[in-house]
C-alpha atoms as a PDB file:
ATOM      1  CA  MET A   1      -1.443 -57.033  10.442  1.00  0.00           C
ATOM      2  CA  LYS A   2       0.828 -54.699  12.375  1.00  0.00           C
ATOM      3  CA  LYS A   3       2.753 -53.953   9.171  1.00  0.00           C
ATOM      4  CA  LYS A   4      -0.476 -53.039   7.389  1.00  0.00           C
ATOM      5  CA  LYS A   5      -1.542 -50.654  10.174  1.00  0.00           C
ATOM      6  CA  LEU A   6       1.907 -49.051  10.184  1.00  0.00           C
ATOM      7  CA  THR A   7       1.713 -48.518   6.407  1.00  0.00           C
ATOM      8  CA  GLN A   8      -1.751 -46.910   6.720  1.00  0.00           C
ATOM      9  CA  ALA A   9      -0.516 -44.598   9.498  1.00  0.00           C
ATOM     10  CA  ILE A  10       2.459 -43.501   7.374  1.00  0.00           C
ATOM     11  CA  ILE A  11       0.219 -42.815   4.367  1.00  0.00           C
ATOM     12  CA  LYS A  12      -2.176 -40.849   6.568  1.00  0.00           C
ATOM     13  CA  ASN A  13       0.670 -38.706   7.944  1.00  0.00           C
ATOM     14  CA  ILE A  14       2.009 -38.071   4.442  1.00  0.00           C
ATOM     15  CA  ASN A  15      -1.424 -36.988   3.196  1.00  0.00           C
ATOM     16  CA  THR A  16      -1.841 -34.669   6.194  1.00  0.00           C
ATOM     17  CA  THR A  17       1.586 -33.140   5.589  1.00  0.00           C
ATOM     18  CA  ILE A  18       0.855 -32.586   1.893  1.00  0.00           C
ATOM     19  CA  LEU A  19      -2.490 -30.974   2.758  1.00  0.00           C
ATOM     20  CA  LEU A  20      -0.854 -28.606   5.248  1.00  0.00           C
ATOM     21  CA  VAL A  21       1.856 -27.636   2.743  1.00  0.00           C
ATOM     22  CA  LEU A  22      -0.720 -26.943   0.026  1.00  0.00           C
ATOM     23  CA  LEU A  23      -2.819 -24.895   2.457  1.00  0.00           C
ATOM     24  CA  PHE A  24       0.242 -22.861   3.476  1.00  0.00           C
ATOM     25  CA  PHE A  25       1.224 -22.036  -0.101  1.00  0.00           C
ATOM     26  CA  SER A  26      -2.375 -21.245  -1.078  1.00  0.00           C
ATOM     27  CA  THR A  27      -2.685 -18.786   1.807  1.00  0.00           C
ATOM     28  CA  THR A  28       0.667 -17.222   0.910  1.00  0.00           C
ATOM     29  CA  ILE A  29      -0.348 -16.774  -2.749  1.00  0.00           C
ATOM     30  CA  ILE A  30      -3.700 -15.238  -1.769  1.00  0.00           C
ATOM     31  CA  HIS A  31      -2.014 -12.710   0.536  1.00  0.00           C
ATOM     32  CA  ALA A  32       0.602 -11.924  -2.120  1.00  0.00           C
ATOM     33  CA  GLN A  33      -2.107 -11.184  -4.677  1.00  0.00           C
ATOM     34  CA  VAL A  34      -4.061  -8.799  -2.444  1.00  0.00           C
ATOM     35  CA  VAL A  35      -3.316  -5.235  -3.586  1.00  0.00           C
ATOM     36  CA  PRO A  36      -4.602  -2.394  -1.346  1.00  0.00           C
ATOM     37  CA  THR A  37      -7.175  -0.341  -3.253  1.00  0.00           C
ATOM     38  CA  LEU A  38      -9.686   2.446  -2.767  1.00  0.00           C
ATOM     39  CA  ASN A  39     -13.271   1.645  -3.724  1.00  0.00           C
ATOM     40  CA  VAL A  40     -15.039   4.621  -5.332  1.00  0.00           C
ATOM     41  CA  THR A  41     -18.655   4.647  -6.484  1.00  0.00           C
ATOM     42  CA  SER A  42     -19.385   7.342  -9.075  1.00  0.00           C
ATOM     43  CA  LYS A  43     -22.891   8.774  -9.358  1.00  0.00           C
ATOM     44  CA  LEU A  44     -24.009  11.262 -11.993  1.00  0.00           C
ATOM     45  CA  LYS A  45     -27.028  13.556 -11.890  1.00  0.00           C
ATOM     46  CA  ILE A  46     -28.268  15.710 -14.762  1.00  0.00           C
ATOM     47  CA  LYS A  47     -30.007  18.948 -13.793  1.00  0.00           C
ATOM     48  CA  ASP A  48     -33.282  19.274 -15.719  1.00  0.00           C
ATOM     49  CA  GLY A  49     -32.425  16.238 -17.823  1.00  0.00           C
ATOM     50  CA  ASP A  50     -31.795  12.486 -17.953  1.00  0.00           C
ATOM     51  CA  LEU A  51     -28.682  10.309 -18.145  1.00  0.00           C
ATOM     52  CA  LYS A  52     -29.133   9.448 -21.815  1.00  0.00           C
ATOM     53  CA  ASN A  53     -25.894   9.913 -23.850  1.00  0.00           C
ATOM     54  CA  SER A  54     -23.892  10.733 -20.702  1.00  0.00           C
ATOM     55  CA  GLN A  55     -20.505   9.199 -19.944  1.00  0.00           C
ATOM     56  CA  ILE A  56     -17.855   8.905 -17.227  1.00  0.00           C
ATOM     57  CA  THR A  57     -14.300   8.496 -18.491  1.00  0.00           C
ATOM     58  CA  ILE A  58     -11.510   7.500 -16.084  1.00  0.00           C
ATOM     59  CA  THR A  59      -7.827   7.989 -16.861  1.00  0.00           C
ATOM     60  CA  LYS A  60      -4.849   6.683 -14.896  1.00  0.00           C
ATOM     61  CA  LYS A  61      -1.662   8.756 -15.109  1.00  0.00           C
ATOM     62  CA  GLY A  62      -3.182  10.407 -18.187  1.00  0.00           C
ATOM     63  CA  ALA A  63      -3.839   7.110 -19.996  1.00  0.00           C
ATOM     64  CA  PRO A  64      -7.340   5.607 -20.627  1.00  0.00           C
ATOM     65  CA  TYR A  65      -8.429   3.356 -17.750  1.00  0.00           C
ATOM     66  CA  LYS A  66     -12.222   2.796 -17.774  1.00  0.00           C
ATOM     67  CA  VAL A  67     -15.351   4.133 -19.475  1.00  0.00           C
ATOM     68  CA  ILE A  68     -18.639   4.026 -17.552  1.00  0.00           C
ATOM     69  CA  ASP A  69     -22.220   4.340 -18.782  1.00  0.00           C
ATOM     70  CA  PRO A  70     -24.026   6.203 -15.940  1.00  0.00           C
ATOM     71  CA  SER A  71     -27.459   5.379 -17.387  1.00  0.00           C
ATOM     72  CA  LYS A  72     -27.013   1.847 -16.015  1.00  0.00           C
ATOM     73  CA  GLY A  73     -26.769   3.181 -12.447  1.00  0.00           C
ATOM     74  CA  ALA A  74     -24.009   3.840  -9.935  1.00  0.00           C
ATOM     75  CA  TYR A  75     -20.710   2.154 -10.762  1.00  0.00           C
ATOM     76  CA  ALA A  76     -18.030   1.108  -8.250  1.00  0.00           C
ATOM     77  CA  VAL A  77     -14.384   0.907  -9.289  1.00  0.00           C
ATOM     78  CA  ASP A  78     -11.280  -0.108  -7.328  1.00  0.00           C
ATOM     79  CA  LEU A  79      -8.383   2.350  -7.639  1.00  0.00           C
ATOM     80  CA  THR A  80      -4.885   1.054  -6.931  1.00  0.00           C
ATOM     81  CA  LEU A  81      -2.990   3.109  -4.362  1.00  0.00           C
ATOM     82  CA  GLY A  82      -0.100   5.339  -5.383  1.00  0.00           C
ATOM     83  CA  TYR A  83      -1.550   6.821  -8.586  1.00  0.00           C
ATOM     84  CA  GLU A  84      -3.492   9.815  -9.868  1.00  0.00           C
ATOM     85  CA  TYR A  85      -6.789   9.296 -11.665  1.00  0.00           C
ATOM     86  CA  GLU A  86      -9.218  11.693 -13.339  1.00  0.00           C
ATOM     87  CA  PHE A  87     -12.969  11.117 -13.576  1.00  0.00           C
ATOM     88  CA  THR A  88     -14.491  13.165 -16.419  1.00  0.00           C
ATOM     89  CA  PHE A  89     -18.300  13.499 -16.400  1.00  0.00           C
ATOM     90  CA  THR A  90     -19.782  14.530 -19.767  1.00  0.00           C
ATOM     91  CA  LYS A  91     -23.109  14.907 -21.566  1.00  0.00           C
ATOM     92  CA  LEU A  92     -23.820  16.709 -24.808  1.00  0.00           C
ATOM     93  CA  GLY A  93     -25.092  20.232 -24.118  1.00  0.00           C
ATOM     94  CA  TYR A  94     -23.963  20.225 -20.491  1.00  0.00           C
ATOM     95  CA  ILE A  95     -20.918  21.636 -18.666  1.00  0.00           C
ATOM     96  CA  THR A  96     -18.223  18.968 -18.236  1.00  0.00           C
ATOM     97  CA  LYS A  97     -16.877  18.357 -14.738  1.00  0.00           C
ATOM     98  CA  ILE A  98     -13.654  16.655 -13.629  1.00  0.00           C
ATOM     99  CA  ILE A  99     -12.782  14.921 -10.352  1.00  0.00           C
ATOM    100  CA  LEU A 100      -9.137  14.338  -9.427  1.00  0.00           C
ATOM    101  CA  ALA A 101      -8.472  11.143  -7.454  1.00  0.00           C
ATOM    102  CA  ASN A 102      -5.075  11.077  -5.756  1.00  0.00           C
ATOM    103  CA  THR A 103      -4.562   7.655  -4.141  1.00  0.00           C
ATOM    104  CA  HIS A 104      -1.164   8.307  -2.541  1.00  0.00           C
ATOM    105  CA  VAL A 105      -1.114   7.506   1.184  1.00  0.00           C
ATOM    106  CA  PRO A 106       1.477   7.699   4.000  1.00  0.00           C
ATOM    107  CA  GLU A 107       3.758   4.685   4.414  1.00  0.00           C
ATOM    108  CA  HIS A 108       2.004   3.483   7.557  1.00  0.00           C
ATOM    109  CA  ARG A 109      -1.335   3.272   5.676  1.00  0.00           C
ATOM    110  CA  GLU A 110      -0.173   1.482   2.536  1.00  0.00           C
ATOM    111  CA  LYS A 111      -1.538  -1.893   3.685  1.00  0.00           C
ATOM    112  CA  GLY A 112      -4.557  -0.562   5.537  1.00  0.00           C
ATOM    113  CA  VAL A 113      -8.276  -0.777   4.871  1.00  0.00           C
ATOM    114  CA  PHE A 114     -10.139   2.307   3.625  1.00  0.00           C
ATOM    115  CA  ALA A 115     -13.799   3.270   3.750  1.00  0.00           C
ATOM    116  CA  LYS A 116     -15.731   3.157   0.493  1.00  0.00           C
ATOM    117  CA  LEU A 117     -16.320   6.568  -1.099  1.00  0.00           C
ATOM    118  CA  VAL A 118     -19.243   7.895  -3.116  1.00  0.00           C
ATOM    119  CA  ALA A 119     -18.395  10.637  -5.645  1.00  0.00           C
ATOM    120  CA  GLU A 120     -21.618  12.347  -6.716  1.00  0.00           C
ATOM    121  CA  VAL A 121     -21.583  14.960  -9.484  1.00  0.00           C
ATOM    122  CA  GLU A 122     -24.351  17.047 -11.033  1.00  0.00           C
ATOM    123  CA  LEU A 123     -24.040  18.507 -14.542  1.00  0.00           C
ATOM    124  CA  GLU A 124     -25.747  21.754 -15.547  1.00  0.00           C
ATOM    125  CA  LYS A 125     -26.741  22.930 -19.010  1.00  0.00           C
ATOM    126  CA  GLN A 126     -24.405  25.065 -21.084  1.00  0.00           C
ATOM    127  CA  PRO A 127     -25.483  28.737 -21.299  1.00  0.00           C
ATOM    128  CA  GLU A 128     -27.207  29.660 -24.543  1.00  0.00           C
ATOM    129  CA  ASP A 129     -24.977  32.670 -25.281  1.00  0.00           C
ATOM    130  CA  HIS A 130     -21.567  31.055 -24.692  1.00  0.00           C
ATOM    131  CA  SER A 131     -19.820  27.754 -23.929  1.00  0.00           C
ATOM    132  CA  ILE A 132     -18.104  26.883 -20.637  1.00  0.00           C
ATOM    133  CA  ASN A 133     -15.188  24.438 -20.700  1.00  0.00           C
ATOM    134  CA  HIS A 134     -13.443  23.359 -17.495  1.00  0.00           C
ATOM    135  CA  SER A 135      -9.953  21.912 -17.985  1.00  0.00           C
ATOM    136  CA  LEU A 136      -9.163  21.760 -14.250  1.00  0.00           C
ATOM    137  CA  PRO A 137     -10.776  19.539 -11.593  1.00  0.00           C
ATOM    138  CA  SER A 138     -13.631  21.021  -9.552  1.00  0.00           C
ATOM    139  CA  ALA A 139     -13.559  18.256  -6.914  1.00  0.00           C
ATOM    140  CA  ARG A 140     -10.941  15.944  -5.467  1.00  0.00           C
ATOM    141  CA  ILE A 141     -10.541  12.603  -3.731  1.00  0.00           C
ATOM    142  CA  ALA A 142      -7.420  12.494  -1.561  1.00  0.00           C
ATOM    143  CA  TYR A 143      -6.085  11.069   1.690  1.00  0.00           C
ATOM    144  CA  SER A 144      -6.816  13.264   4.710  1.00  0.00           C
ATOM    145  CA  ASP A 145      -4.297  13.211   7.566  1.00  0.00           C
ATOM    146  CA  SER A 146      -6.890  14.571   9.982  1.00  0.00           C
ATOM    147  CA  LYS A 147      -9.409  11.814   9.145  1.00  0.00           C
ATOM    148  CA  GLY A 148      -6.865   9.053   8.668  1.00  0.00           C
ATOM    149  CA  ASP A 149      -8.777   8.021   5.552  1.00  0.00           C
ATOM    150  CA  PHE A 150      -9.746   9.281   2.107  1.00  0.00           C
ATOM    151  CA  ASP A 151     -12.057  12.272   1.745  1.00  0.00           C
ATOM    152  CA  PHE A 152     -14.144  13.700  -1.104  1.00  0.00           C
ATOM    153  CA  GLU A 153     -13.718  17.476  -1.498  1.00  0.00           C
ATOM    154  CA  LYS A 154     -16.710  18.738  -3.466  1.00  0.00           C
ATOM    155  CA  ASP A 155     -15.258  22.253  -3.849  1.00  0.00           C
ATOM    156  CA  TYR A 156     -11.625  21.952  -4.877  1.00  0.00           C
ATOM    157  CA  ASP A 157      -9.495  24.795  -6.229  1.00  0.00           C
ATOM    158  CA  PRO A 158      -6.261  23.544  -7.904  1.00  0.00           C
ATOM    159  CA  LYS A 159      -4.862  27.082  -8.117  1.00  0.00           C
ATOM    160  CA  ALA A 160      -5.303  27.614  -4.370  1.00  0.00           C
ATOM    161  CA  GLU A 161      -3.703  24.221  -3.715  1.00  0.00           C
ATOM    162  CA  LYS A 162      -0.700  25.189  -5.864  1.00  0.00           C
ATOM    163  CA  ALA A 163      -0.363  28.533  -4.066  1.00  0.00           C
ATOM    164  CA  LYS A 164      -0.506  26.704  -0.744  1.00  0.00           C
ATOM    165  CA  LYS A 165       2.299  24.336  -1.798  1.00  0.00           C
ATOM    166  CA  ASN A 166       4.434  27.226  -3.082  1.00  0.00           C
ATOM    167  CA  GLU A 167       3.980  29.103   0.182  1.00  0.00           C
ATOM    168  CA  LYS A 168       4.944  25.980   2.153  1.00  0.00           C
ATOM    169  CA  ASN A 169       8.079  25.547   0.026  1.00  0.00           C
ATOM    170  CA  VAL A 170       9.075  29.176   0.645  1.00  0.00           C
ATOM    171  CA  ILE A 171       8.619  28.753   4.400  1.00  0.00           C
ATOM    172  CA  ASN A 172      10.683  25.551   4.450  1.00  0.00           C
ATOM    173  CA  GLN A 173      13.435  27.006   2.268  1.00  0.00           C
ATOM    174  CA  LYS A 174      16.537  27.805   4.307  1.00  0.00           C
ATOM    175  CA  PRO A 175      18.089  31.269   3.783  1.00  0.00           C
ATOM    176  CA  LYS A 176      21.479  31.348   2.101  1.00  0.00           C
ATOM    177  CA  ILE A 177      24.426  32.402   4.254  1.00  0.00           C
ATOM    178  CA  ILE A 178      27.146  34.389   2.512  1.00  0.00           C
ATOM    179  CA  SER A 179      30.403  35.192   4.252  1.00  0.00           C
ATOM    180  CA  ALA A 180      31.389  38.725   3.230  1.00  0.00           C
ATOM    181  CA  THR A 181      34.864  40.165   4.033  1.00  0.00           C
ATOM    182  CA  THR A 182      36.682  43.367   3.122  1.00  0.00           C
ATOM    183  CA  PRO A 183      40.456  44.106   3.150  1.00  0.00           C
ATOM    184  CA  GLN A 184      40.018  46.737   5.926  1.00  0.00           C
ATOM    185  CA  ASN A 185      37.666  44.878   8.231  1.00  0.00           C
ATOM    186  CA  LYS A 186      36.466  41.280   8.433  1.00  0.00           C
ATOM    187  CA  GLN A 187      32.723  41.045   8.862  1.00  0.00           C
ATOM    188  CA  GLY A 188      30.650  38.172  10.193  1.00  0.00           C
ATOM    189  CA  PRO A 189      28.334  36.108   8.006  1.00  0.00           C
ATOM    190  CA  VAL A 190      25.622  38.020   6.210  1.00  0.00           C
ATOM    191  CA  ILE A 191      22.212  36.301   6.229  1.00  0.00           C
ATOM    192  CA  LEU A 192      19.943  37.002   3.279  1.00  0.00           C
ATOM    193  CA  LYS A 193      16.291  36.899   4.347  1.00  0.00           C
ATOM    194  CA  GLN A 194      13.609  35.354   2.151  1.00  0.00           C
ATOM    195  CA  SER A 195      11.714  38.194   0.517  1.00  0.00           C
ATOM    196  CA  GLU A 196       8.134  38.291  -0.723  1.00  0.00           C
ATOM    197  CA  ASN A 197       7.136  38.902  -4.339  1.00  0.00           C
ATOM    198  CA  LYS A 198       7.943  42.465  -5.251  1.00  0.00           C
ATOM    199  CA  VAL A 199       4.812  44.335  -6.283  1.00  0.00           C
ATOM    200  CA  GLU A 200       4.784  47.932  -7.365  1.00  0.00           C
ATOM    201  CA  SER A 201       3.611  50.148  -4.478  1.00  0.00           C
ATOM    202  CA  PRO A 202       2.702  53.823  -4.636  1.00  0.00           C
ATOM    203  CA  SER A 203       5.502  56.097  -3.421  1.00  0.00           C
ATOM    204  CA  TYR A 204       3.025  58.223  -1.486  1.00  0.00           C
ATOM    205  CA  MET A 205      -0.484  57.894  -0.123  1.00  0.00           C
ATOM    206  CA  PRO A 206      -2.404  61.126  -0.934  1.00  0.00           C
ATOM    207  CA  SER A 207      -5.487  62.153   0.994  1.00  0.00           C
ATOM    208  CA  GLY A 208      -7.623  61.672  -2.129  1.00  0.00           C
ATOM    209  CA  ARG A 209      -7.119  57.917  -1.939  1.00  0.00           C
ATOM    210  CA  ASN A 210     -10.298  55.896  -2.672  1.00  0.00           C
ATOM    211  CA  LYS A 211     -11.091  52.424  -1.278  1.00  0.00           C
ATOM    212  CA  VAL A 212     -13.793  49.984  -2.431  1.00  0.00           C
ATOM    213  CA  GLU A 213     -14.304  46.650  -0.676  1.00  0.00           C
ATOM    214  CA  LYS A 214     -16.256  43.622  -1.937  1.00  0.00           C
ATOM    215  CA  ILE A 215     -16.828  40.298  -0.131  1.00  0.00           C
ATOM    216  CA  ILE A 216     -17.759  37.025  -1.875  1.00  0.00           C
ATOM    217  CA  GLN A 217     -18.908  34.208   0.425  1.00  0.00           C
ATOM    218  CA  GLU A 218     -18.885  30.644  -0.962  1.00  0.00           C
ATOM    219  CA  ASP A 219     -19.363  27.229   0.635  1.00  0.00           C
ATOM    220  CA  THR A 220     -15.746  26.548   1.499  1.00  0.00           C
ATOM    221  CA  LYS A 221     -14.075  29.912   1.082  1.00  0.00           C
ATOM    222  CA  LYS A 222     -14.472  33.645   1.620  1.00  0.00           C
ATOM    223  CA  ILE A 223     -12.942  36.114  -0.826  1.00  0.00           C
ATOM    224  CA  THR A 224     -12.360  39.771   0.031  1.00  0.00           C
ATOM    225  CA  ILE A 225     -11.496  42.085  -2.870  1.00  0.00           C
ATOM    226  CA  ILE A 226     -10.294  45.605  -2.072  1.00  0.00           C
ATOM    227  CA  THR A 227      -9.658  48.162  -4.809  1.00  0.00           C
ATOM    228  CA  ILE A 228      -7.423  51.108  -3.864  1.00  0.00           C
ATOM    229  CA  THR A 229      -7.444  53.993  -6.357  1.00  0.00           C
ATOM    230  CA  ILE A 230      -4.559  56.478  -6.190  1.00  0.00           C
ATOM    231  CA  SER A 231      -4.023  59.154  -8.845  1.00  0.00           C
ATOM    232  CA  GLU A 232      -6.491  57.375 -11.138  1.00  0.00           C
ATOM    233  CA  LYS A 233      -4.558  54.092 -10.857  1.00  0.00           C
ATOM    234  CA  ASP A 234      -6.194  50.983  -9.364  1.00  0.00           C
ATOM    235  CA  TYR A 235      -4.423  48.534  -7.062  1.00  0.00           C
ATOM    236  CA  ILE A 236      -6.357  45.275  -6.596  1.00  0.00           C
ATOM    237  CA  TYR A 237      -5.899  43.474  -3.264  1.00  0.00           C
ATOM    238  CA  ARG A 238      -7.392  40.011  -2.730  1.00  0.00           C
ATOM    239  CA  LYS A 239      -7.700  37.888   0.414  1.00  0.00           C
ATOM    240  CA  GLU A 240      -8.787  34.232   0.049  1.00  0.00           C
ATOM    241  CA  GLU A 241      -9.816  32.456   3.266  1.00  0.00           C
ATOM    242  CA  TYR A 242     -10.078  28.635   3.277  1.00  0.00           C
ATOM    243  CA  GLY A 243     -10.499  26.106   6.058  1.00  0.00           C
ATOM    244  CA  TRP A 244      -6.794  25.259   5.827  1.00  0.00           C
ATOM    245  CA  GLY A 245      -5.348  28.773   5.534  1.00  0.00           C
ATOM    246  CA  THR A 246      -5.543  32.335   4.220  1.00  0.00           C
ATOM    247  CA  TYR A 247      -3.744  33.765   1.165  1.00  0.00           C
ATOM    248  CA  PHE A 248      -3.076  37.383   0.157  1.00  0.00           C
ATOM    249  CA  TYR A 249      -2.510  38.877  -3.304  1.00  0.00           C
ATOM    250  CA  LYS A 250      -1.865  42.261  -4.863  1.00  0.00           C
ATOM    251  CA  ASP A 251      -2.496  42.693  -8.588  1.00  0.00           C
ATOM    252  CA  GLY A 252      -2.423  38.891  -8.907  1.00  0.00           C
ATOM    253  CA  LYS A 253       0.898  38.419  -7.088  1.00  0.00           C
ATOM    254  CA  SER A 254       1.356  36.811  -3.664  1.00  0.00           C
ATOM    255  CA  ILE A 255       2.059  39.148  -0.727  1.00  0.00           C
ATOM    256  CA  THR A 256       2.278  38.803   3.058  1.00  0.00           C
ATOM    257  CA  GLU A 257      -0.543  39.464   5.498  1.00  0.00           C
ATOM    258  CA  THR A 258       1.385  42.458   6.898  1.00  0.00           C
ATOM    259  CA  THR A 259       1.653  44.090   3.481  1.00  0.00           C
ATOM    260  CA  PHE A 260      -2.027  43.468   2.815  1.00  0.00           C
ATOM    261  CA  SER A 261      -3.100  44.956   6.165  1.00  0.00           C
ATOM    262  CA  THR A 262      -0.811  47.981   5.889  1.00  0.00           C
ATOM    263  CA  GLU A 263      -1.718  48.966   2.340  1.00  0.00           C
ATOM    264  CA  THR A 264      -5.485  48.414   2.651  1.00  0.00           C
ATOM    265  CA  LYS A 265      -6.066  50.431   5.836  1.00  0.00           C
END
């Protein structure tokens, strides 16, 4: 009798041990399979029209990823972190729009949880007299350091973003130090300062100088365009003000704020 009870106790312990081992490995496999993603719901609206024959195409690193039929309603998709996606919203006879989705995040947020995003886009009809084709994104989904989460920028300007990155690279670039010496006298190191883009400037400023200023106010930016006419030649100055910074241009080339202020007085 005692032998039988001992055998039953051993079998019970073995079964318990096996169950715990299986539970441990199952939990480990589940955690290993969980890949951090960003959940994005895409919604499409058609101005003065319906969703018939419309389409949302998603690419990942330039390769086809998903195709969505917006007429069936809003569609949620999980985007793996660390990639760039493009959502292209199209409908025959309407202006195509593109959303860039950059899912790169800082190292400390790679395994975090992110709020679900809703990307809503409205398409407008093509003009009757000409066709408008946008090859660059007009909106962007990207991680925001200030929010600590992803954000949907409805008004995104890739050219301004590129100019911002170039300006940051110039600021962070260390000046070269060249040690210059001559046979007669040894000189200390000569430091070459980082210079701005060289733009042709008038050699004199005559009293007949004419100035015309125009201001364009948009949702997320303010653009000031100043035209200076000297000796029948126009110099176009442009100031673009965004929430994250201000940029200055002369005849399409980047200049400093000091140059802009001095030459547009």
